[in-house]
Amino acid sequence: LSVRDVALRFGGIVALDGVSFDLHRGQ
């Protein structure tokens, strides 16, 4: 799983701001 610069806004609210991380098999 690779999360790459994920951002999410609800109107003017920033719920996620450029989140990135990797998850490797078996972790």
mmCIF file of all heavy atoms, coordinates in Angstrom:
data_MODEL
# 
_entry.id   MODEL 
# 
loop_
_atom_site.group_PDB 
_atom_site.id 
_atom_site.type_symbol 
_atom_site.label_atom_id 
_atom_site.label_alt_id 
_atom_site.label_comp_id 
_atom_site.label_asym_id 
_atom_site.label_entity_id 
_atom_site.label_seq_id 
_atom_site.pdbx_PDB_ins_code 
_atom_site.Cartn_x 
_atom_site.Cartn_y 
_atom_site.Cartn_z 
_atom_site.occupancy 
_atom_site.B_iso_or_equiv 
_atom_site.pdbx_formal_charge 
_atom_site.auth_seq_id 
_atom_site.auth_comp_id 
_atom_site.auth_asym_id 
_atom_site.auth_atom_id 
_atom_site.pdbx_PDB_model_num 
ATOM 1   N N   . LEU A 1 1  ? 0.857   -1.185 0.000  1.00 0.00 ? 1  LEU A N   1 
ATOM 2   C CA  . LEU A 1 1  ? 0.000   0.000  0.000  1.00 0.00 ? 1  LEU A CA  1 
ATOM 3   C C   . LEU A 1 1  ? 0.889   1.229  0.000  1.00 0.00 ? 1  LEU A C   1 
ATOM 4   O O   . LEU A 1 1  ? 1.834   1.314  0.787  1.00 0.00 ? 1  LEU A O   1 
ATOM 5   C CB  . LEU A 1 1  ? -0.899  0.015  1.238  1.00 0.00 ? 1  LEU A CB  1 
ATOM 6   C CG  . LEU A 1 1  ? -1.809  1.237  1.409  1.00 0.00 ? 1  LEU A CG  1 
ATOM 7   C CD1 . LEU A 1 1  ? -2.960  1.205  0.405  1.00 0.00 ? 1  LEU A CD1 1 
ATOM 8   C CD2 . LEU A 1 1  ? -2.346  1.317  2.835  1.00 0.00 ? 1  LEU A CD2 1 
ATOM 9   N N   . SER A 1 2  ? 0.587   2.171  -0.865 1.00 0.00 ? 2  SER A N   1 
ATOM 10  C CA  . SER A 1 2  ? 1.347   3.417  -0.932 1.00 0.00 ? 2  SER A CA  1 
ATOM 11  C C   . SER A 1 2  ? 0.377   4.589  -0.937 1.00 0.00 ? 2  SER A C   1 
ATOM 12  O O   . SER A 1 2  ? -0.455  4.713  -1.838 1.00 0.00 ? 2  SER A O   1 
ATOM 13  C CB  . SER A 1 2  ? 2.226   3.449  -2.184 1.00 0.00 ? 2  SER A CB  1 
ATOM 14  O OG  . SER A 1 2  ? 3.047   4.600  -2.196 1.00 0.00 ? 2  SER A OG  1 
ATOM 15  N N   . VAL A 1 3  ? 0.462   5.423  0.093  1.00 0.00 ? 3  VAL A N   1 
ATOM 16  C CA  . VAL A 1 3  ? -0.351  6.632  0.199  1.00 0.00 ? 3  VAL A CA  1 
ATOM 17  C C   . VAL A 1 3  ? 0.530   7.800  -0.230 1.00 0.00 ? 3  VAL A C   1 
ATOM 18  O O   . VAL A 1 3  ? 1.579   8.044  0.387  1.00 0.00 ? 3  VAL A O   1 
ATOM 19  C CB  . VAL A 1 3  ? -0.851  6.829  1.641  1.00 0.00 ? 3  VAL A CB  1 
ATOM 20  C CG1 . VAL A 1 3  ? -1.624  8.137  1.788  1.00 0.00 ? 3  VAL A CG1 1 
ATOM 21  C CG2 . VAL A 1 3  ? -1.723  5.649  2.062  1.00 0.00 ? 3  VAL A CG2 1 
ATOM 22  N N   . ARG A 1 4  ? 0.135   8.503  -1.280 1.00 0.00 ? 4  ARG A N   1 
ATOM 23  C CA  . ARG A 1 4  ? 0.997   9.508  -1.886 1.00 0.00 ? 4  ARG A CA  1 
ATOM 24  C C   . ARG A 1 4  ? 0.340   10.892 -1.873 1.00 0.00 ? 4  ARG A C   1 
ATOM 25  O O   . ARG A 1 4  ? -0.609  11.150 -2.621 1.00 0.00 ? 4  ARG A O   1 
ATOM 26  C CB  . ARG A 1 4  ? 1.332   9.125  -3.330 1.00 0.00 ? 4  ARG A CB  1 
ATOM 27  C CG  . ARG A 1 4  ? 2.123   7.829  -3.455 1.00 0.00 ? 4  ARG A CG  1 
ATOM 28  C CD  . ARG A 1 4  ? 2.495   7.537  -4.892 1.00 0.00 ? 4  ARG A CD  1 
ATOM 29  N NE  . ARG A 1 4  ? 3.325   6.349  -5.012 1.00 0.00 ? 4  ARG A NE  1 
ATOM 30  C CZ  . ARG A 1 4  ? 3.748   5.841  -6.171 1.00 0.00 ? 4  ARG A CZ  1 
ATOM 31  N NH1 . ARG A 1 4  ? 3.383   6.429  -7.317 1.00 0.00 ? 4  ARG A NH1 1 
ATOM 32  N NH2 . ARG A 1 4  ? 4.513   4.764  -6.203 1.00 0.00 ? 4  ARG A NH2 1 
ATOM 33  N N   . ASP A 1 5  ? 0.843   11.742 -0.993 1.00 0.00 ? 5  ASP A N   1 
ATOM 34  C CA  . ASP A 1 5  ? 0.434   13.156 -0.949 1.00 0.00 ? 5  ASP A CA  1 
ATOM 35  C C   . ASP A 1 5  ? -1.088  13.315 -0.936 1.00 0.00 ? 5  ASP A C   1 
ATOM 36  O O   . ASP A 1 5  ? -1.636  14.177 -1.641 1.00 0.00 ? 5  ASP A O   1 
ATOM 37  C CB  . ASP A 1 5  ? 1.028   13.924 -2.144 1.00 0.00 ? 5  ASP A CB  1 
ATOM 38  C CG  . ASP A 1 5  ? 2.542   13.917 -2.114 1.00 0.00 ? 5  ASP A CG  1 
ATOM 39  O OD1 . ASP A 1 5  ? 3.108   14.178 -1.038 1.00 0.00 ? 5  ASP A OD1 1 
ATOM 40  O OD2 . ASP A 1 5  ? 3.153   13.632 -3.171 1.00 0.00 ? 5  ASP A OD2 1 
ATOM 41  N N   . VAL A 1 6  ? -1.764  12.519 -0.135 1.00 0.00 ? 6  VAL A N   1 
ATOM 42  C CA  . VAL A 1 6  ? -3.224  12.543 -0.100 1.00 0.00 ? 6  VAL A CA  1 
ATOM 43  C C   . VAL A 1 6  ? -3.717  13.765 0.662  1.00 0.00 ? 6  VAL A C   1 
ATOM 44  O O   . VAL A 1 6  ? -3.306  14.032 1.801  1.00 0.00 ? 6  VAL A O   1 
ATOM 45  C CB  . VAL A 1 6  ? -3.775  11.253 0.528  1.00 0.00 ? 6  VAL A CB  1 
ATOM 46  C CG1 . VAL A 1 6  ? -5.260  11.379 0.842  1.00 0.00 ? 6  VAL A CG1 1 
ATOM 47  C CG2 . VAL A 1 6  ? -3.551  10.080 -0.422 1.00 0.00 ? 6  VAL A CG2 1 
ATOM 48  N N   . ALA A 1 7  ? -4.586  14.502 0.023  1.00 0.00 ? 7  ALA A N   1 
ATOM 49  C CA  . ALA A 1 7  ? -5.207  15.684 0.622  1.00 0.00 ? 7  ALA A CA  1 
ATOM 50  C C   . ALA A 1 7  ? -6.713  15.574 0.451  1.00 0.00 ? 7  ALA A C   1 
ATOM 51  O O   . ALA A 1 7  ? -7.204  15.005 -0.529 1.00 0.00 ? 7  ALA A O   1 
ATOM 52  C CB  . ALA A 1 7  ? -4.692  16.965 -0.029 1.00 0.00 ? 7  ALA A CB  1 
ATOM 53  N N   . LEU A 1 8  ? -7.443  16.107 1.407  1.00 0.00 ? 8  LEU A N   1 
ATOM 54  C CA  . LEU A 1 8  ? -8.900  16.113 1.325  1.00 0.00 ? 8  LEU A CA  1 
ATOM 55  C C   . LEU A 1 8  ? -9.424  17.353 2.032  1.00 0.00 ? 8  LEU A C   1 
ATOM 56  O O   . LEU A 1 8  ? -9.042  17.645 3.170  1.00 0.00 ? 8  LEU A O   1 
ATOM 57  C CB  . LEU A 1 8  ? -9.482  14.857 1.967  1.00 0.00 ? 8  LEU A CB  1 
ATOM 58  C CG  . LEU A 1 8  ? -11.006 14.701 1.904  1.00 0.00 ? 8  LEU A CG  1 
ATOM 59  C CD1 . LEU A 1 8  ? -11.500 14.667 0.463  1.00 0.00 ? 8  LEU A CD1 1 
ATOM 60  C CD2 . LEU A 1 8  ? -11.446 13.440 2.645  1.00 0.00 ? 8  LEU A CD2 1 
ATOM 61  N N   . ARG A 1 9  ? -10.302 18.054 1.345  1.00 0.00 ? 9  ARG A N   1 
ATOM 62  C CA  . ARG A 1 9  ? -10.901 19.259 1.910  1.00 0.00 ? 9  ARG A CA  1 
ATOM 63  C C   . ARG A 1 9  ? -12.417 19.133 1.889  1.00 0.00 ? 9  ARG A C   1 
ATOM 64  O O   . ARG A 1 9  ? -12.986 18.651 0.924  1.00 0.00 ? 9  ARG A O   1 
ATOM 65  C CB  . ARG A 1 9  ? -10.466 20.499 1.114  1.00 0.00 ? 9  ARG A CB  1 
ATOM 66  C CG  . ARG A 1 9  ? -8.991  20.812 1.270  1.00 0.00 ? 9  ARG A CG  1 
ATOM 67  C CD  . ARG A 1 9  ? -8.502  21.861 0.275  1.00 0.00 ? 9  ARG A CD  1 
ATOM 68  N NE  . ARG A 1 9  ? -7.101  22.201 0.505  1.00 0.00 ? 9  ARG A NE  1 
ATOM 69  C CZ  . ARG A 1 9  ? -6.075  21.478 0.081  1.00 0.00 ? 9  ARG A CZ  1 
ATOM 70  N NH1 . ARG A 1 9  ? -6.295  20.357 -0.603 1.00 0.00 ? 9  ARG A NH1 1 
ATOM 71  N NH2 . ARG A 1 9  ? -4.837  21.851 0.338  1.00 0.00 ? 9  ARG A NH2 1 
ATOM 72  N N   . PHE A 1 10 ? -13.031 19.534 2.972  1.00 0.00 ? 10 PHE A N   1 
ATOM 73  C CA  . PHE A 1 10 ? -14.486 19.623 3.053  1.00 0.00 ? 10 PHE A CA  1 
ATOM 74  C C   . PHE A 1 10 ? -14.821 21.105 3.137  1.00 0.00 ? 10 PHE A C   1 
ATOM 75  O O   . PHE A 1 10 ? -14.726 21.712 4.200  1.00 0.00 ? 10 PHE A O   1 
ATOM 76  C CB  . PHE A 1 10 ? -15.020 18.887 4.281  1.00 0.00 ? 10 PHE A CB  1 
ATOM 77  C CG  . PHE A 1 10 ? -14.763 17.405 4.270  1.00 0.00 ? 10 PHE A CG  1 
ATOM 78  C CD1 . PHE A 1 10 ? -13.809 16.843 5.117  1.00 0.00 ? 10 PHE A CD1 1 
ATOM 79  C CD2 . PHE A 1 10 ? -15.463 16.559 3.423  1.00 0.00 ? 10 PHE A CD2 1 
ATOM 80  C CE1 . PHE A 1 10 ? -13.569 15.484 5.126  1.00 0.00 ? 10 PHE A CE1 1 
ATOM 81  C CE2 . PHE A 1 10 ? -15.232 15.195 3.424  1.00 0.00 ? 10 PHE A CE2 1 
ATOM 82  C CZ  . PHE A 1 10 ? -14.285 14.653 4.275  1.00 0.00 ? 10 PHE A CZ  1 
ATOM 83  N N   . GLY A 1 11 ? -15.170 21.698 1.970  1.00 0.00 ? 11 GLY A N   1 
ATOM 84  C CA  . GLY A 1 11 ? -15.377 23.140 1.948  1.00 0.00 ? 11 GLY A CA  1 
ATOM 85  C C   . GLY A 1 11 ? -14.061 23.838 2.265  1.00 0.00 ? 11 GLY A C   1 
ATOM 86  O O   . GLY A 1 11 ? -13.045 23.606 1.617  1.00 0.00 ? 11 GLY A O   1 
ATOM 87  N N   . GLY A 1 12 ? -14.060 24.665 3.283  1.00 0.00 ? 12 GLY A N   1 
ATOM 88  C CA  . GLY A 1 12 ? -12.832 25.362 3.663  1.00 0.00 ? 12 GLY A CA  1 
ATOM 89  C C   . GLY A 1 12 ? -12.014 24.638 4.695  1.00 0.00 ? 12 GLY A C   1 
ATOM 90  O O   . GLY A 1 12 ? -10.976 25.149 5.137  1.00 0.00 ? 12 GLY A O   1 
ATOM 91  N N   . ILE A 1 13 ? -12.448 23.436 5.108  1.00 0.00 ? 13 ILE A N   1 
ATOM 92  C CA  . ILE A 1 13 ? -11.741 22.683 6.143  1.00 0.00 ? 13 ILE A CA  1 
ATOM 93  C C   . ILE A 1 13 ? -10.773 21.699 5.501  1.00 0.00 ? 13 ILE A C   1 
ATOM 94  O O   . ILE A 1 13 ? -11.148 20.905 4.639  1.00 0.00 ? 13 ILE A O   1 
ATOM 95  C CB  . ILE A 1 13 ? -12.734 21.919 7.038  1.00 0.00 ? 13 ILE A CB  1 
ATOM 96  C CG1 . ILE A 1 13 ? -13.674 22.900 7.744  1.00 0.00 ? 13 ILE A CG1 1 
ATOM 97  C CG2 . ILE A 1 13 ? -11.991 21.056 8.055  1.00 0.00 ? 13 ILE A CG2 1 
ATOM 98  C CD1 . ILE A 1 13 ? -14.786 22.227 8.516  1.00 0.00 ? 13 ILE A CD1 1 
ATOM 99  N N   . VAL A 1 14 ? -9.511  21.774 5.920  1.00 0.00 ? 14 VAL A N   1 
ATOM 100 C CA  . VAL A 1 14 ? -8.498  20.835 5.432  1.00 0.00 ? 14 VAL A CA  1 
ATOM 101 C C   . VAL A 1 14 ? -8.483  19.623 6.363  1.00 0.00 ? 14 VAL A C   1 
ATOM 102 O O   . VAL A 1 14 ? -8.014  19.703 7.492  1.00 0.00 ? 14 VAL A O   1 
ATOM 103 C CB  . VAL A 1 14 ? -7.105  21.491 5.383  1.00 0.00 ? 14 VAL A CB  1 
ATOM 104 C CG1 . VAL A 1 14 ? -6.065  20.475 4.896  1.00 0.00 ? 14 VAL A CG1 1 
ATOM 105 C CG2 . VAL A 1 14 ? -7.126  22.714 4.471  1.00 0.00 ? 14 VAL A CG2 1 
ATOM 106 N N   . ALA A 1 15 ? -9.010  18.502 5.870  1.00 0.00 ? 15 ALA A N   1 
ATOM 107 C CA  . ALA A 1 15 ? -9.071  17.282 6.687  1.00 0.00 ? 15 ALA A CA  1 
ATOM 108 C C   . ALA A 1 15 ? -7.784  16.477 6.576  1.00 0.00 ? 15 ALA A C   1 
ATOM 109 O O   . ALA A 1 15 ? -7.343  15.865 7.557  1.00 0.00 ? 15 ALA A O   1 
ATOM 110 C CB  . ALA A 1 15 ? -10.266 16.432 6.266  1.00 0.00 ? 15 ALA A CB  1 
ATOM 111 N N   . LEU A 1 16 ? -7.184  16.458 5.407  1.00 0.00 ? 16 LEU A N   1 
ATOM 112 C CA  . LEU A 1 16 ? -5.898  15.797 5.175  1.00 0.00 ? 16 LEU A CA  1 
ATOM 113 C C   . LEU A 1 16 ? -5.037  16.725 4.339  1.00 0.00 ? 16 LEU A C   1 
ATOM 114 O O   . LEU A 1 16 ? -5.519  17.336 3.380  1.00 0.00 ? 16 LEU A O   1 
ATOM 115 C CB  . LEU A 1 16 ? -6.079  14.457 4.452  1.00 0.00 ? 16 LEU A CB  1 
ATOM 116 C CG  . LEU A 1 16 ? -6.803  13.345 5.206  1.00 0.00 ? 16 LEU A CG  1 
ATOM 117 C CD1 . LEU A 1 16 ? -7.084  12.165 4.284  1.00 0.00 ? 16 LEU A CD1 1 
ATOM 118 C CD2 . LEU A 1 16 ? -6.018  12.901 6.430  1.00 0.00 ? 16 LEU A CD2 1 
ATOM 119 N N   . ASP A 1 17 ? -3.751  16.803 4.699  1.00 0.00 ? 17 ASP A N   1 
ATOM 120 C CA  . ASP A 1 17 ? -2.870  17.783 4.071  1.00 0.00 ? 17 ASP A CA  1 
ATOM 121 C C   . ASP A 1 17 ? -1.584  17.115 3.604  1.00 0.00 ? 17 ASP A C   1 
ATOM 122 O O   . ASP A 1 17 ? -0.562  17.131 4.289  1.00 0.00 ? 17 ASP A O   1 
ATOM 123 C CB  . ASP A 1 17 ? -2.560  18.902 5.081  1.00 0.00 ? 17 ASP A CB  1 
ATOM 124 C CG  . ASP A 1 17 ? -1.779  20.055 4.469  1.00 0.00 ? 17 ASP A CG  1 
ATOM 125 O OD1 . ASP A 1 17 ? -1.615  20.080 3.238  1.00 0.00 ? 17 ASP A OD1 1 
ATOM 126 O OD2 . ASP A 1 17 ? -1.329  20.925 5.246  1.00 0.00 ? 17 ASP A OD2 1 
ATOM 127 N N   . GLY A 1 18 ? -1.657  16.475 2.427  1.00 0.00 ? 18 GLY A N   1 
ATOM 128 C CA  . GLY A 1 18 ? -0.466  15.896 1.815  1.00 0.00 ? 18 GLY A CA  1 
ATOM 129 C C   . GLY A 1 18 ? 0.156   14.744 2.585  1.00 0.00 ? 18 GLY A C   1 
ATOM 130 O O   . GLY A 1 18 ? 1.376   14.694 2.778  1.00 0.00 ? 18 GLY A O   1 
ATOM 131 N N   . VAL A 1 19 ? -0.657  13.779 3.002  1.00 0.00 ? 19 VAL A N   1 
ATOM 132 C CA  . VAL A 1 19 ? -0.172  12.637 3.792  1.00 0.00 ? 19 VAL A CA  1 
ATOM 133 C C   . VAL A 1 19 ? 0.428   11.571 2.874  1.00 0.00 ? 19 VAL A C   1 
ATOM 134 O O   . VAL A 1 19 ? -0.192  11.186 1.878  1.00 0.00 ? 19 VAL A O   1 
ATOM 135 C CB  . VAL A 1 19 ? -1.311  12.033 4.632  1.00 0.00 ? 19 VAL A CB  1 
ATOM 136 C CG1 . VAL A 1 19 ? -0.823  10.784 5.365  1.00 0.00 ? 19 VAL A CG1 1 
ATOM 137 C CG2 . VAL A 1 19 ? -1.849  13.061 5.607  1.00 0.00 ? 19 VAL A CG2 1 
ATOM 138 N N   . SER A 1 20 ? 1.627   11.113 3.233  1.00 0.00 ? 20 SER A N   1 
ATOM 139 C CA  . SER A 1 20 ? 2.296   10.052 2.473  1.00 0.00 ? 20 SER A CA  1 
ATOM 140 C C   . SER A 1 20 ? 2.898   9.022  3.421  1.00 0.00 ? 20 SER A C   1 
ATOM 141 O O   . SER A 1 20 ? 3.458   9.394  4.462  1.00 0.00 ? 20 SER A O   1 
ATOM 142 C CB  . SER A 1 20 ? 3.420   10.627 1.600  1.00 0.00 ? 20 SER A CB  1 
ATOM 143 O OG  . SER A 1 20 ? 2.934   11.501 0.615  1.00 0.00 ? 20 SER A OG  1 
ATOM 144 N N   . PHE A 1 21 ? 2.784   7.754  3.074  1.00 0.00 ? 21 PHE A N   1 
ATOM 145 C CA  . PHE A 1 21 ? 3.507   6.678  3.757  1.00 0.00 ? 21 PHE A CA  1 
ATOM 146 C C   . PHE A 1 21 ? 3.339   5.396  2.948  1.00 0.00 ? 21 PHE A C   1 
ATOM 147 O O   . PHE A 1 21 ? 2.449   5.283  2.109  1.00 0.00 ? 21 PHE A O   1 
ATOM 148 C CB  . PHE A 1 21 ? 3.034   6.464  5.202  1.00 0.00 ? 21 PHE A CB  1 
ATOM 149 C CG  . PHE A 1 21 ? 1.590   6.049  5.349  1.00 0.00 ? 21 PHE A CG  1 
ATOM 150 C CD1 . PHE A 1 21 ? 1.204   4.715  5.250  1.00 0.00 ? 21 PHE A CD1 1 
ATOM 151 C CD2 . PHE A 1 21 ? 0.606   6.997  5.604  1.00 0.00 ? 21 PHE A CD2 1 
ATOM 152 C CE1 . PHE A 1 21 ? -0.113  4.333  5.395  1.00 0.00 ? 21 PHE A CE1 1 
ATOM 153 C CE2 . PHE A 1 21 ? -0.720  6.632  5.750  1.00 0.00 ? 21 PHE A CE2 1 
ATOM 154 C CZ  . PHE A 1 21 ? -1.077  5.286  5.647  1.00 0.00 ? 21 PHE A CZ  1 
ATOM 155 N N   . ASP A 1 22 ? 4.222   4.433  3.217  1.00 0.00 ? 22 ASP A N   1 
ATOM 156 C CA  . ASP A 1 22 ? 4.164   3.119  2.580  1.00 0.00 ? 22 ASP A CA  1 
ATOM 157 C C   . ASP A 1 22 ? 3.942   2.052  3.634  1.00 0.00 ? 22 ASP A C   1 
ATOM 158 O O   . ASP A 1 22 ? 4.410   2.175  4.775  1.00 0.00 ? 22 ASP A O   1 
ATOM 159 C CB  . ASP A 1 22 ? 5.469   2.806  1.842  1.00 0.00 ? 22 ASP A CB  1 
ATOM 160 C CG  . ASP A 1 22 ? 5.652   3.646  0.586  1.00 0.00 ? 22 ASP A CG  1 
ATOM 161 O OD1 . ASP A 1 22 ? 4.644   4.107  0.022  1.00 0.00 ? 22 ASP A OD1 1 
ATOM 162 O OD2 . ASP A 1 22 ? 6.826   3.846  0.188  1.00 0.00 ? 22 ASP A OD2 1 
ATOM 163 N N   . LEU A 1 23 ? 3.237   1.007  3.230  1.00 0.00 ? 23 LEU A N   1 
ATOM 164 C CA  . LEU A 1 23 ? 3.018   -0.164 4.077  1.00 0.00 ? 23 LEU A CA  1 
ATOM 165 C C   . LEU A 1 23 ? 3.445   -1.390 3.281  1.00 0.00 ? 23 LEU A C   1 
ATOM 166 O O   . LEU A 1 23 ? 2.901   -1.662 2.206  1.00 0.00 ? 23 LEU A O   1 
ATOM 167 C CB  . LEU A 1 23 ? 1.546   -0.265 4.482  1.00 0.00 ? 23 LEU A CB  1 
ATOM 168 C CG  . LEU A 1 23 ? 1.105   -1.499 5.260  1.00 0.00 ? 23 LEU A CG  1 
ATOM 169 C CD1 . LEU A 1 23 ? 1.933   -1.688 6.527  1.00 0.00 ? 23 LEU A CD1 1 
ATOM 170 C CD2 . LEU A 1 23 ? -0.383  -1.416 5.597  1.00 0.00 ? 23 LEU A CD2 1 
ATOM 171 N N   . HIS A 1 24 ? 4.436   -2.122 3.806  1.00 0.00 ? 24 HIS A N   1 
ATOM 172 C CA  . HIS A 1 24 ? 4.975   -3.284 3.101  1.00 0.00 ? 24 HIS A CA  1 
ATOM 173 C C   . HIS A 1 24 ? 4.289   -4.566 3.555  1.00 0.00 ? 24 HIS A C   1 
ATOM 174 O O   . HIS A 1 24 ? 3.721   -4.637 4.643  1.00 0.00 ? 24 HIS A O   1 
ATOM 175 C CB  . HIS A 1 24 ? 6.478   -3.377 3.326  1.00 0.00 ? 24 HIS A CB  1 
ATOM 176 C CG  . HIS A 1 24 ? 7.251   -2.311 2.613  1.00 0.00 ? 24 HIS A CG  1 
ATOM 177 N ND1 . HIS A 1 24 ? 7.811   -2.481 1.357  1.00 0.00 ? 24 HIS A ND1 1 
ATOM 178 C CD2 . HIS A 1 24 ? 7.528   -1.027 2.976  1.00 0.00 ? 24 HIS A CD2 1 
ATOM 179 C CE1 . HIS A 1 24 ? 8.397   -1.377 0.984  1.00 0.00 ? 24 HIS A CE1 1 
ATOM 180 N NE2 . HIS A 1 24 ? 8.251   -0.473 1.940  1.00 0.00 ? 24 HIS A NE2 1 
ATOM 181 N N   . ARG A 1 25 ? 4.358   -5.563 2.712  1.00 0.00 ? 25 ARG A N   1 
ATOM 182 C CA  . ARG A 1 25 ? 3.722   -6.849 2.988  1.00 0.00 ? 25 ARG A CA  1 
ATOM 183 C C   . ARG A 1 25 ? 4.223   -7.423 4.314  1.00 0.00 ? 25 ARG A C   1 
ATOM 184 O O   . ARG A 1 25 ? 5.417   -7.415 4.595  1.00 0.00 ? 25 ARG A O   1 
ATOM 185 C CB  . ARG A 1 25 ? 4.013   -7.845 1.869  1.00 0.00 ? 25 ARG A CB  1 
ATOM 186 C CG  . ARG A 1 25 ? 3.387   -7.474 0.543  1.00 0.00 ? 25 ARG A CG  1 
ATOM 187 C CD  . ARG A 1 25 ? 3.733   -8.484 -0.537 1.00 0.00 ? 25 ARG A CD  1 
ATOM 188 N NE  . ARG A 1 25 ? 3.357   -8.001 -1.859 1.00 0.00 ? 25 ARG A NE  1 
ATOM 189 C CZ  . ARG A 1 25 ? 2.136   -8.134 -2.374 1.00 0.00 ? 25 ARG A CZ  1 
ATOM 190 N NH1 . ARG A 1 25 ? 1.206   -8.777 -1.681 1.00 0.00 ? 25 ARG A NH1 1 
ATOM 191 N NH2 . ARG A 1 25 ? 1.856   -7.657 -3.571 1.00 0.00 ? 25 ARG A NH2 1 
ATOM 192 N N   . GLY A 1 26 ? 3.270   -7.930 5.099  1.00 0.00 ? 26 GLY A N   1 
ATOM 193 C CA  . GLY A 1 26 ? 3.616   -8.569 6.344  1.00 0.00 ? 26 GLY A CA  1 
ATOM 194 C C   . GLY A 1 26 ? 3.802   -7.629 7.515  1.00 0.00 ? 26 GLY A C   1 
ATOM 195 O O   . GLY A 1 26 ? 4.027   -8.082 8.636  1.00 0.00 ? 26 GLY A O   1 
ATOM 196 N N   . GLN A 1 27 ? 3.698   -6.325 7.281  1.00 0.00 ? 27 GLN A N   1 
ATOM 197 C CA  . GLN A 1 27 ? 3.847   -5.361 8.364  1.00 0.00 ? 27 GLN A CA  1 
ATOM 198 C C   . GLN A 1 27 ? 2.527   -5.118 9.088  1.00 0.00 ? 27 GLN A C   1 
ATOM 199 O O   . GLN A 1 27 ? 1.443   -5.338 8.539  1.00 0.00 ? 27 GLN A O   1 
ATOM 200 C CB  . GLN A 1 27 ? 4.351   -4.018 7.838  1.00 0.00 ? 27 GLN A CB  1 
ATOM 201 C CG  . GLN A 1 27 ? 5.824   -3.930 7.539  1.00 0.00 ? 27 GLN A CG  1 
ATOM 202 C CD  . GLN A 1 27 ? 6.247   -2.493 7.293  1.00 0.00 ? 27 GLN A CD  1 
ATOM 203 O OE1 . GLN A 1 27 ? 5.502   -1.694 6.735  1.00 0.00 ? 27 GLN A OE1 1 
ATOM 204 N NE2 . GLN A 1 27 ? 7.462   -2.154 7.700  1.00 0.00 ? 27 GLN A NE2 1 
# 
